[in-house]
Amino acid sequence: MAELSTIARPYAGALFETARASGEGLDRWLDSVDELAALMSHPQVAQVVADPKLDDAQVADLLLGMLKQPLPAMAANFLKLLVANQRLTALPEVAIQFRRLKNQAEGVADCLIETAYPLSDGEVAELVAALAKRFGSKLRPTVKVNPALIGGVRIAVGDQVLDNSVRARLNQMQTALTA
């Protein structure tokens, strides 16, 4: 959805600059944005905030009331701006782009490691160290077990994917045999 990405980019950039200027930790801001994005990803919440009977202040108060932690004042103003501009649907994409900006500023990249079987902490650390050299940045790993891979590992860093799983190899063999 390129349009949503285009809409979210200036909002994420403005929020990131505001977060950096606030002197508060970027992690707190990211947690707040992620929580708002999770709220807006919930179909029932999206349906309620889209109700035309609610005015902007009611929608903002409703969302602020659903949060586990209170937002920083500037983040609450940001939410009110999104409500006023009818851009709440862009919140999940704003959160994604905010995370990218934060990672870029810190020289870190998120890394998704999928394996067919659970890895020990030592194996994960060894794999992350090797991947950090390959990608030239510090990696923040998330490990998921995906039995459908059959064996091997699938790694995603940003938009780059390294798929060395048995499932991928079988798919390549099937393609070669049927071509």
N, C-alpha and C. Protein backbone atom coordinates (compact mmCIF):
# COMPACT_ATOMS: atom_id res chain seq x y z
N MET A 1 0.83 -1.16 0.00
CA MET A 1 0.00 0.00 0.00
C MET A 1 0.89 1.24 0.00
N ALA A 2 1.32 1.63 -1.16
CA ALA A 2 2.25 2.75 -1.30
C ALA A 2 1.64 4.07 -0.84
N GLU A 3 0.36 4.27 -1.05
CA GLU A 3 -0.27 5.52 -0.66
C GLU A 3 -0.19 5.73 0.85
N LEU A 4 -0.49 4.70 1.62
CA LEU A 4 -0.42 4.80 3.07
C LEU A 4 1.00 5.10 3.54
N SER A 5 1.96 4.49 2.87
CA SER A 5 3.36 4.75 3.19
C SER A 5 3.72 6.20 2.92
N THR A 6 3.24 6.72 1.82
CA THR A 6 3.50 8.11 1.45
C THR A 6 2.85 9.07 2.45
N ILE A 7 1.65 8.75 2.88
CA ILE A 7 0.95 9.58 3.86
C ILE A 7 1.67 9.55 5.20
N ALA A 8 2.14 8.37 5.60
CA ALA A 8 2.74 8.19 6.93
C ALA A 8 4.13 8.81 7.04
N ARG A 9 4.87 8.90 5.95
CA ARG A 9 6.27 9.35 6.00
C ARG A 9 6.45 10.71 6.67
N PRO A 10 5.73 11.76 6.27
CA PRO A 10 5.96 13.05 6.94
C PRO A 10 5.53 13.05 8.40
N TYR A 11 4.49 12.30 8.73
CA TYR A 11 4.06 12.21 10.12
C TYR A 11 5.12 11.51 10.97
N ALA A 12 5.66 10.41 10.45
CA ALA A 12 6.70 9.69 11.19
C ALA A 12 7.95 10.55 11.35
N GLY A 13 8.32 11.27 10.32
CA GLY A 13 9.49 12.14 10.39
C GLY A 13 9.30 13.25 11.41
N ALA A 14 8.14 13.88 11.41
CA ALA A 14 7.86 14.95 12.37
C ALA A 14 7.82 14.41 13.79
N LEU A 15 7.22 13.25 13.97
CA LEU A 15 7.16 12.64 15.30
C LEU A 15 8.55 12.28 15.78
N PHE A 16 9.37 11.76 14.89
CA PHE A 16 10.74 11.38 15.27
C PHE A 16 11.54 12.61 15.70
N GLU A 17 11.45 13.67 14.94
CA GLU A 17 12.19 14.89 15.29
C GLU A 17 11.69 15.47 16.62
N THR A 18 10.39 15.41 16.84
CA THR A 18 9.82 15.88 18.10
C THR A 18 10.31 15.02 19.25
N ALA A 19 10.36 13.71 19.05
CA ALA A 19 10.82 12.79 20.09
C ALA A 19 12.28 13.05 20.44
N ARG A 20 13.10 13.26 19.42
CA ARG A 20 14.53 13.54 19.68
C ARG A 20 14.70 14.85 20.41
N ALA A 21 13.94 15.86 20.04
CA ALA A 21 14.06 17.18 20.66
C ALA A 21 13.52 17.20 22.09
N SER A 22 12.64 16.25 22.40
CA SER A 22 12.01 16.25 23.72
C SER A 22 12.99 15.89 24.85
N GLY A 23 14.06 15.18 24.50
CA GLY A 23 15.01 14.77 25.52
C GLY A 23 14.60 13.48 26.22
N GLU A 24 13.38 13.03 25.99
CA GLU A 24 12.94 11.75 26.55
C GLU A 24 13.51 10.65 25.66
N GLY A 25 13.58 9.47 26.18
CA GLY A 25 14.11 8.37 25.39
C GLY A 25 13.25 8.03 24.20
N LEU A 26 13.90 7.71 23.09
CA LEU A 26 13.16 7.31 21.89
C LEU A 26 12.38 6.01 22.11
N ASP A 27 12.89 5.18 23.02
CA ASP A 27 12.20 3.91 23.29
C ASP A 27 10.79 4.15 23.84
N ARG A 28 10.66 5.13 24.72
CA ARG A 28 9.33 5.43 25.28
C ARG A 28 8.39 5.90 24.18
N TRP A 29 8.90 6.75 23.31
CA TRP A 29 8.08 7.23 22.20
C TRP A 29 7.69 6.08 21.28
N LEU A 30 8.65 5.20 21.00
CA LEU A 30 8.36 4.06 20.13
C LEU A 30 7.30 3.16 20.76
N ASP A 31 7.41 2.93 22.06
CA ASP A 31 6.40 2.11 22.74
C ASP A 31 5.02 2.75 22.61
N SER A 32 4.95 4.07 22.77
CA SER A 32 3.67 4.77 22.65
C SER A 32 3.10 4.66 21.24
N VAL A 33 3.94 4.85 20.25
CA VAL A 33 3.49 4.78 18.86
C VAL A 33 3.07 3.34 18.52
N ASP A 34 3.83 2.37 19.00
CA ASP A 34 3.46 0.97 18.76
C ASP A 34 2.12 0.63 19.40
N GLU A 35 1.89 1.16 20.61
CA GLU A 35 0.62 0.89 21.29
C GLU A 35 -0.55 1.53 20.54
N LEU A 36 -0.36 2.76 20.07
CA LEU A 36 -1.40 3.41 19.27
C LEU A 36 -1.66 2.64 17.97
N ALA A 37 -0.59 2.19 17.34
CA ALA A 37 -0.72 1.42 16.09
C ALA A 37 -1.48 0.12 16.34
N ALA A 38 -1.18 -0.53 17.47
CA ALA A 38 -1.88 -1.78 17.80
C ALA A 38 -3.37 -1.51 18.03
N LEU A 39 -3.68 -0.39 18.68
CA LEU A 39 -5.09 -0.04 18.87
C LEU A 39 -5.79 0.14 17.53
N MET A 40 -5.16 0.89 16.63
CA MET A 40 -5.79 1.17 15.35
C MET A 40 -5.82 -0.05 14.44
N SER A 41 -5.02 -1.05 14.73
CA SER A 41 -5.04 -2.28 13.94
C SER A 41 -6.19 -3.19 14.36
N HIS A 42 -6.77 -2.91 15.50
CA HIS A 42 -7.89 -3.71 15.99
C HIS A 42 -9.16 -3.27 15.26
N PRO A 43 -9.85 -4.19 14.60
CA PRO A 43 -11.01 -3.82 13.77
C PRO A 43 -12.12 -3.10 14.55
N GLN A 44 -12.38 -3.53 15.79
CA GLN A 44 -13.45 -2.90 16.54
C GLN A 44 -13.10 -1.47 16.93
N VAL A 45 -11.85 -1.23 17.27
CA VAL A 45 -11.43 0.13 17.61
C VAL A 45 -11.52 1.02 16.36
N ALA A 46 -11.05 0.50 15.24
CA ALA A 46 -11.11 1.27 13.98
C ALA A 46 -12.56 1.61 13.63
N GLN A 47 -13.46 0.68 13.89
CA GLN A 47 -14.87 0.92 13.58
C GLN A 47 -15.44 2.00 14.51
N VAL A 48 -15.11 1.95 15.79
CA VAL A 48 -15.63 2.93 16.74
C VAL A 48 -15.11 4.33 16.43
N VAL A 49 -13.81 4.47 16.17
CA VAL A 49 -13.26 5.81 15.93
C VAL A 49 -13.71 6.38 14.58
N ALA A 50 -14.21 5.53 13.70
CA ALA A 50 -14.71 6.00 12.41
C ALA A 50 -16.17 6.47 12.49
N ASP A 51 -16.78 6.31 13.66
CA ASP A 51 -18.17 6.70 13.85
C ASP A 51 -18.31 8.21 13.64
N PRO A 52 -19.12 8.64 12.68
CA PRO A 52 -19.25 10.07 12.40
C PRO A 52 -19.95 10.85 13.52
N LYS A 53 -20.59 10.15 14.46
CA LYS A 53 -21.26 10.83 15.57
C LYS A 53 -20.26 11.36 16.60
N LEU A 54 -19.03 10.83 16.58
CA LEU A 54 -18.00 11.28 17.52
C LEU A 54 -17.22 12.44 16.90
N ASP A 55 -16.99 13.48 17.70
CA ASP A 55 -16.16 14.57 17.20
C ASP A 55 -14.69 14.24 17.47
N ASP A 56 -13.80 15.07 16.96
CA ASP A 56 -12.37 14.81 17.05
C ASP A 56 -11.90 14.68 18.50
N ALA A 57 -12.39 15.54 19.37
CA ALA A 57 -11.97 15.50 20.77
C ALA A 57 -12.40 14.19 21.43
N GLN A 58 -13.59 13.72 21.12
CA GLN A 58 -14.07 12.47 21.69
C GLN A 58 -13.24 11.28 21.21
N VAL A 59 -12.89 11.28 19.93
CA VAL A 59 -12.07 10.20 19.38
C VAL A 59 -10.70 10.20 20.04
N ALA A 60 -10.08 11.36 20.15
CA ALA A 60 -8.76 11.45 20.77
C ALA A 60 -8.83 11.02 22.24
N ASP A 61 -9.85 11.48 22.97
CA ASP A 61 -9.99 11.10 24.39
C ASP A 61 -10.23 9.60 24.53
N LEU A 62 -11.00 9.04 23.62
CA LEU A 62 -11.26 7.60 23.65
C LEU A 62 -9.97 6.82 23.48
N LEU A 63 -9.18 7.18 22.48
CA LEU A 63 -7.91 6.49 22.24
C LEU A 63 -6.93 6.69 23.39
N LEU A 64 -6.83 7.91 23.90
CA LEU A 64 -5.94 8.18 25.02
C LEU A 64 -6.36 7.38 26.25
N GLY A 65 -7.65 7.18 26.43
CA GLY A 65 -8.16 6.41 27.56
C GLY A 65 -7.88 4.91 27.45
N MET A 66 -7.66 4.42 26.25
CA MET A 66 -7.39 2.99 26.04
C MET A 66 -5.93 2.62 26.27
N LEU A 67 -5.06 3.59 26.33
CA LEU A 67 -3.62 3.31 26.45
C LEU A 67 -3.25 2.84 27.85
N LYS A 68 -2.28 1.96 27.92
CA LYS A 68 -1.79 1.45 29.21
C LYS A 68 -0.98 2.51 29.94
N GLN A 69 -0.16 3.24 29.19
CA GLN A 69 0.69 4.30 29.74
C GLN A 69 0.24 5.63 29.15
N PRO A 70 0.23 6.70 29.95
CA PRO A 70 -0.11 8.00 29.37
C PRO A 70 0.95 8.45 28.37
N LEU A 71 0.50 9.12 27.34
CA LEU A 71 1.41 9.62 26.31
C LEU A 71 2.12 10.88 26.80
N PRO A 72 3.34 11.09 26.31
CA PRO A 72 3.95 12.41 26.54
C PRO A 72 3.04 13.48 25.92
N ALA A 73 3.06 14.69 26.46
CA ALA A 73 2.17 15.75 26.00
C ALA A 73 2.27 15.97 24.49
N MET A 74 3.50 15.97 23.98
CA MET A 74 3.68 16.21 22.53
C MET A 74 3.12 15.04 21.71
N ALA A 75 3.20 13.83 22.23
CA ALA A 75 2.65 12.67 21.52
C ALA A 75 1.12 12.73 21.53
N ALA A 76 0.54 13.21 22.63
CA ALA A 76 -0.91 13.39 22.68
C ALA A 76 -1.35 14.43 21.65
N ASN A 77 -0.57 15.49 21.51
CA ASN A 77 -0.86 16.50 20.49
C ASN A 77 -0.76 15.90 19.09
N PHE A 78 0.23 15.03 18.90
CA PHE A 78 0.40 14.34 17.61
C PHE A 78 -0.84 13.50 17.29
N LEU A 79 -1.34 12.78 18.30
CA LEU A 79 -2.53 11.97 18.11
C LEU A 79 -3.72 12.85 17.73
N LYS A 80 -3.86 13.98 18.39
CA LYS A 80 -4.96 14.90 18.09
C LYS A 80 -4.84 15.43 16.66
N LEU A 81 -3.61 15.66 16.22
CA LEU A 81 -3.38 16.11 14.84
C LEU A 81 -3.82 15.04 13.85
N LEU A 82 -3.47 13.77 14.13
CA LEU A 82 -3.88 12.68 13.25
C LEU A 82 -5.40 12.56 13.19
N VAL A 83 -6.04 12.72 14.35
CA VAL A 83 -7.50 12.66 14.39
C VAL A 83 -8.10 13.80 13.56
N ALA A 84 -7.60 15.02 13.76
CA ALA A 84 -8.13 16.19 13.04
C ALA A 84 -7.95 16.06 11.53
N ASN A 85 -6.83 15.45 11.11
CA ASN A 85 -6.55 15.28 9.68
C ASN A 85 -7.09 13.97 9.11
N GLN A 86 -7.82 13.23 9.93
CA GLN A 86 -8.40 11.94 9.54
C GLN A 86 -7.33 10.99 8.99
N ARG A 87 -6.24 10.85 9.74
CA ARG A 87 -5.13 10.00 9.33
C ARG A 87 -4.87 8.87 10.32
N LEU A 88 -5.85 8.50 11.13
CA LEU A 88 -5.64 7.44 12.11
C LEU A 88 -5.31 6.10 11.45
N THR A 89 -5.82 5.88 10.26
CA THR A 89 -5.53 4.61 9.58
C THR A 89 -4.06 4.49 9.21
N ALA A 90 -3.34 5.61 9.19
CA ALA A 90 -1.91 5.58 8.87
C ALA A 90 -1.05 5.26 10.08
N LEU A 91 -1.64 5.17 11.27
CA LEU A 91 -0.84 4.96 12.47
C LEU A 91 0.04 3.70 12.43
N PRO A 92 -0.44 2.55 11.98
CA PRO A 92 0.46 1.38 11.91
C PRO A 92 1.68 1.63 11.03
N GLU A 93 1.49 2.31 9.91
CA GLU A 93 2.61 2.61 9.02
C GLU A 93 3.51 3.69 9.63
N VAL A 94 2.94 4.64 10.36
CA VAL A 94 3.74 5.64 11.07
C VAL A 94 4.66 4.94 12.06
N ALA A 95 4.12 3.95 12.77
CA ALA A 95 4.93 3.21 13.75
C ALA A 95 6.09 2.48 13.07
N ILE A 96 5.82 1.88 11.93
CA ILE A 96 6.87 1.17 11.19
C ILE A 96 7.97 2.14 10.76
N GLN A 97 7.57 3.27 10.21
CA GLN A 97 8.56 4.23 9.74
C GLN A 97 9.29 4.92 10.90
N PHE A 98 8.60 5.14 12.03
CA PHE A 98 9.25 5.70 13.20
C PHE A 98 10.35 4.74 13.69
N ARG A 99 10.02 3.44 13.70
CA ARG A 99 11.01 2.43 14.12
C ARG A 99 12.22 2.45 13.18
N ARG A 100 11.98 2.56 11.89
CA ARG A 100 13.08 2.63 10.92
C ARG A 100 13.98 3.84 11.18
N LEU A 101 13.37 4.99 11.41
CA LEU A 101 14.14 6.20 11.69
C LEU A 101 14.95 6.06 12.98
N LYS A 102 14.34 5.48 13.99
CA LYS A 102 15.04 5.26 15.27
C LYS A 102 16.21 4.31 15.07
N ASN A 103 15.97 3.21 14.39
CA ASN A 103 17.05 2.24 14.13
C ASN A 103 18.18 2.88 13.32
N GLN A 104 17.82 3.66 12.32
CA GLN A 104 18.82 4.31 11.48
C GLN A 104 19.66 5.28 12.31
N ALA A 105 19.03 6.02 13.20
CA ALA A 105 19.75 6.97 14.05
C ALA A 105 20.69 6.25 15.02
N GLU A 106 20.31 5.06 15.43
CA GLU A 106 21.11 4.29 16.39
C GLU A 106 22.08 3.34 15.71
N GLY A 107 22.04 3.24 14.38
CA GLY A 107 22.91 2.32 13.66
C GLY A 107 22.55 0.87 13.89
N VAL A 108 21.27 0.61 14.06
CA VAL A 108 20.77 -0.73 14.36
C VAL A 108 19.76 -1.13 13.29
N ALA A 109 19.64 -2.43 13.06
CA ALA A 109 18.62 -2.95 12.14
C ALA A 109 17.89 -4.10 12.82
N ASP A 110 16.58 -4.18 12.59
CA ASP A 110 15.81 -5.31 13.10
C ASP A 110 16.09 -6.52 12.23
N CYS A 111 16.19 -7.66 12.86
CA CYS A 111 16.53 -8.90 12.16
C CYS A 111 15.55 -9.99 12.59
N LEU A 112 14.82 -10.54 11.65
CA LEU A 112 13.91 -11.65 11.93
C LEU A 112 14.59 -12.94 11.52
N ILE A 113 14.76 -13.83 12.49
CA ILE A 113 15.39 -15.13 12.24
C ILE A 113 14.31 -16.19 12.43
N GLU A 114 14.00 -16.91 11.36
CA GLU A 114 13.03 -18.00 11.43
C GLU A 114 13.78 -19.31 11.28
N THR A 115 13.51 -20.23 12.19
CA THR A 115 14.14 -21.55 12.13
C THR A 115 13.08 -22.63 12.29
N ALA A 116 13.41 -23.82 11.84
CA ALA A 116 12.48 -24.94 11.98
C ALA A 116 12.47 -25.46 13.41
N TYR A 117 13.58 -25.28 14.10
CA TYR A 117 13.72 -25.77 15.47
C TYR A 117 14.26 -24.66 16.35
N PRO A 118 13.96 -24.69 17.64
CA PRO A 118 14.46 -23.64 18.54
C PRO A 118 16.00 -23.61 18.56
N LEU A 119 16.54 -22.38 18.64
CA LEU A 119 17.99 -22.19 18.74
C LEU A 119 18.35 -21.82 20.17
N SER A 120 19.52 -22.24 20.59
CA SER A 120 20.01 -21.84 21.91
C SER A 120 20.46 -20.38 21.85
N ASP A 121 20.63 -19.77 23.00
CA ASP A 121 21.10 -18.38 23.04
C ASP A 121 22.47 -18.24 22.39
N GLY A 122 23.32 -19.22 22.59
CA GLY A 122 24.66 -19.20 21.99
C GLY A 122 24.61 -19.26 20.48
N GLU A 123 23.72 -20.11 19.95
CA GLU A 123 23.57 -20.22 18.50
C GLU A 123 23.04 -18.92 17.90
N VAL A 124 22.09 -18.30 18.60
CA VAL A 124 21.55 -17.03 18.12
C VAL A 124 22.63 -15.96 18.13
N ALA A 125 23.40 -15.90 19.21
CA ALA A 125 24.47 -14.90 19.32
C ALA A 125 25.51 -15.09 18.22
N GLU A 126 25.87 -16.33 17.95
CA GLU A 126 26.84 -16.63 16.89
C GLU A 126 26.31 -16.23 15.52
N LEU A 127 25.05 -16.56 15.27
CA LEU A 127 24.42 -16.22 13.99
C LEU A 127 24.31 -14.70 13.83
N VAL A 128 23.92 -14.00 14.88
CA VAL A 128 23.79 -12.54 14.82
C VAL A 128 25.14 -11.88 14.59
N ALA A 129 26.18 -12.41 15.21
CA ALA A 129 27.53 -11.85 15.01
C ALA A 129 27.96 -11.99 13.55
N ALA A 130 27.71 -13.15 12.96
CA ALA A 130 28.07 -13.36 11.56
C ALA A 130 27.23 -12.45 10.64
N LEU A 131 25.95 -12.31 10.96
CA LEU A 131 25.08 -11.46 10.14
C LEU A 131 25.44 -9.99 10.27
N ALA A 132 25.86 -9.57 11.45
CA ALA A 132 26.25 -8.17 11.67
C ALA A 132 27.43 -7.81 10.78
N LYS A 133 28.36 -8.74 10.62
CA LYS A 133 29.50 -8.49 9.72
C LYS A 133 29.02 -8.38 8.28
N ARG A 134 28.10 -9.25 7.90
CA ARG A 134 27.61 -9.26 6.52
C ARG A 134 26.83 -7.98 6.19
N PHE A 135 25.99 -7.53 7.12
CA PHE A 135 25.14 -6.37 6.86
C PHE A 135 25.77 -5.05 7.30
N GLY A 136 26.86 -5.13 8.02
CA GLY A 136 27.57 -3.92 8.43
C GLY A 136 26.86 -3.05 9.43
N SER A 137 26.00 -3.63 10.24
CA SER A 137 25.34 -2.86 11.29
C SER A 137 24.99 -3.79 12.44
N LYS A 138 24.73 -3.17 13.57
CA LYS A 138 24.32 -3.94 14.74
C LYS A 138 22.90 -4.43 14.51
N LEU A 139 22.64 -5.67 14.86
CA LEU A 139 21.32 -6.26 14.60
C LEU A 139 20.57 -6.50 15.91
N ARG A 140 19.27 -6.26 15.87
CA ARG A 140 18.39 -6.54 16.99
C ARG A 140 17.53 -7.74 16.56
N PRO A 141 17.89 -8.96 17.03
CA PRO A 141 17.21 -10.15 16.52
C PRO A 141 15.87 -10.45 17.18
N THR A 142 14.98 -11.00 16.38
CA THR A 142 13.75 -11.60 16.85
C THR A 142 13.75 -13.01 16.27
N VAL A 143 13.65 -14.00 17.13
CA VAL A 143 13.72 -15.39 16.68
C VAL A 143 12.33 -16.02 16.75
N LYS A 144 11.92 -16.65 15.67
CA LYS A 144 10.63 -17.34 15.61
C LYS A 144 10.86 -18.76 15.11
N VAL A 145 10.16 -19.68 15.69
CA VAL A 145 10.21 -21.06 15.23
C VAL A 145 9.08 -21.26 14.22
N ASN A 146 9.44 -21.75 13.03
CA ASN A 146 8.49 -21.98 11.96
C ASN A 146 8.71 -23.39 11.42
N PRO A 147 7.97 -24.38 11.94
CA PRO A 147 8.18 -25.77 11.52
C PRO A 147 7.99 -26.00 10.02
N ALA A 148 7.27 -25.11 9.34
CA ALA A 148 7.04 -25.26 7.90
C ALA A 148 8.33 -25.15 7.10
N LEU A 149 9.39 -24.59 7.70
CA LEU A 149 10.67 -24.49 7.00
C LEU A 149 11.36 -25.85 6.85
N ILE A 150 10.95 -26.82 7.63
CA ILE A 150 11.47 -28.19 7.65
C ILE A 150 12.87 -28.23 8.28
N GLY A 151 13.75 -27.37 7.86
CA GLY A 151 15.12 -27.30 8.38
C GLY A 151 15.77 -26.03 7.86
N GLY A 152 16.90 -25.69 8.40
CA GLY A 152 17.62 -24.51 7.96
C GLY A 152 17.10 -23.25 8.62
N VAL A 153 17.39 -22.12 7.98
CA VAL A 153 17.07 -20.83 8.57
C VAL A 153 16.66 -19.85 7.48
N ARG A 154 15.76 -18.92 7.84
CA ARG A 154 15.33 -17.84 6.95
C ARG A 154 15.55 -16.55 7.73
N ILE A 155 16.27 -15.61 7.14
CA ILE A 155 16.64 -14.38 7.83
C ILE A 155 16.17 -13.19 7.01
N ALA A 156 15.54 -12.23 7.69
CA ALA A 156 15.10 -11.00 7.03
C ALA A 156 15.68 -9.81 7.81
N VAL A 157 16.45 -9.00 7.10
CA VAL A 157 17.01 -7.77 7.66
C VAL A 157 16.57 -6.65 6.73
N GLY A 158 15.66 -5.82 7.23
CA GLY A 158 15.10 -4.78 6.36
C GLY A 158 14.36 -5.42 5.21
N ASP A 159 14.72 -5.04 3.99
CA ASP A 159 14.07 -5.63 2.82
C ASP A 159 14.91 -6.73 2.18
N GLN A 160 15.97 -7.14 2.85
CA GLN A 160 16.81 -8.23 2.35
C GLN A 160 16.44 -9.53 3.07
N VAL A 161 16.32 -10.60 2.29
CA VAL A 161 15.95 -11.90 2.85
C VAL A 161 16.97 -12.94 2.41
N LEU A 162 17.47 -13.67 3.37
CA LEU A 162 18.36 -14.80 3.10
C LEU A 162 17.59 -16.06 3.49
N ASP A 163 17.23 -16.86 2.51
CA ASP A 163 16.43 -18.06 2.78
C ASP A 163 17.26 -19.30 2.48
N ASN A 164 17.76 -19.90 3.53
CA ASN A 164 18.55 -21.11 3.41
C ASN A 164 17.81 -22.27 4.08
N SER A 165 16.49 -22.29 3.90
CA SER A 165 15.69 -23.33 4.52
C SER A 165 15.50 -24.50 3.56
N VAL A 166 15.17 -25.62 4.11
CA VAL A 166 14.90 -26.81 3.30
C VAL A 166 13.67 -26.55 2.43
N ARG A 167 12.67 -25.87 2.98
CA ARG A 167 11.45 -25.56 2.22
C ARG A 167 11.80 -24.75 0.97
N ALA A 168 12.67 -23.75 1.09
CA ALA A 168 13.05 -22.93 -0.06
C ALA A 168 13.79 -23.77 -1.09
N ARG A 169 14.66 -24.64 -0.63
CA ARG A 169 15.40 -25.49 -1.57
C ARG A 169 14.47 -26.45 -2.30
N LEU A 170 13.49 -27.00 -1.59
CA LEU A 170 12.51 -27.89 -2.23
C LEU A 170 11.70 -27.12 -3.28
N ASN A 171 11.32 -25.89 -2.94
CA ASN A 171 10.57 -25.06 -3.90
C ASN A 171 11.41 -24.76 -5.14
N GLN A 172 12.73 -24.49 -4.94
CA GLN A 172 13.60 -24.26 -6.08
C GLN A 172 13.73 -25.50 -6.95
N MET A 173 13.83 -26.67 -6.31
CA MET A 173 13.93 -27.91 -7.07
C MET A 173 12.64 -28.17 -7.85
N GLN A 174 11.49 -27.90 -7.22
CA GLN A 174 10.22 -28.09 -7.89
C GLN A 174 10.12 -27.17 -9.11
N THR A 175 10.54 -25.94 -8.97
CA THR A 175 10.49 -24.99 -10.08
C THR A 175 11.41 -25.45 -11.21
N ALA A 176 12.60 -25.93 -10.85
CA ALA A 176 13.55 -26.39 -11.86
C ALA A 176 13.03 -27.62 -12.60
N LEU A 177 12.37 -28.51 -11.88
CA LEU A 177 11.87 -29.74 -12.49
C LEU A 177 10.63 -29.51 -13.36
N THR A 178 9.84 -28.51 -13.02
CA THR A 178 8.60 -28.27 -13.78
C THR A 178 8.80 -27.24 -14.90
N ALA A 179 9.96 -26.63 -14.95
CA ALA A 179 10.18 -25.60 -15.98
C ALA A 179 10.52 -26.20 -17.31
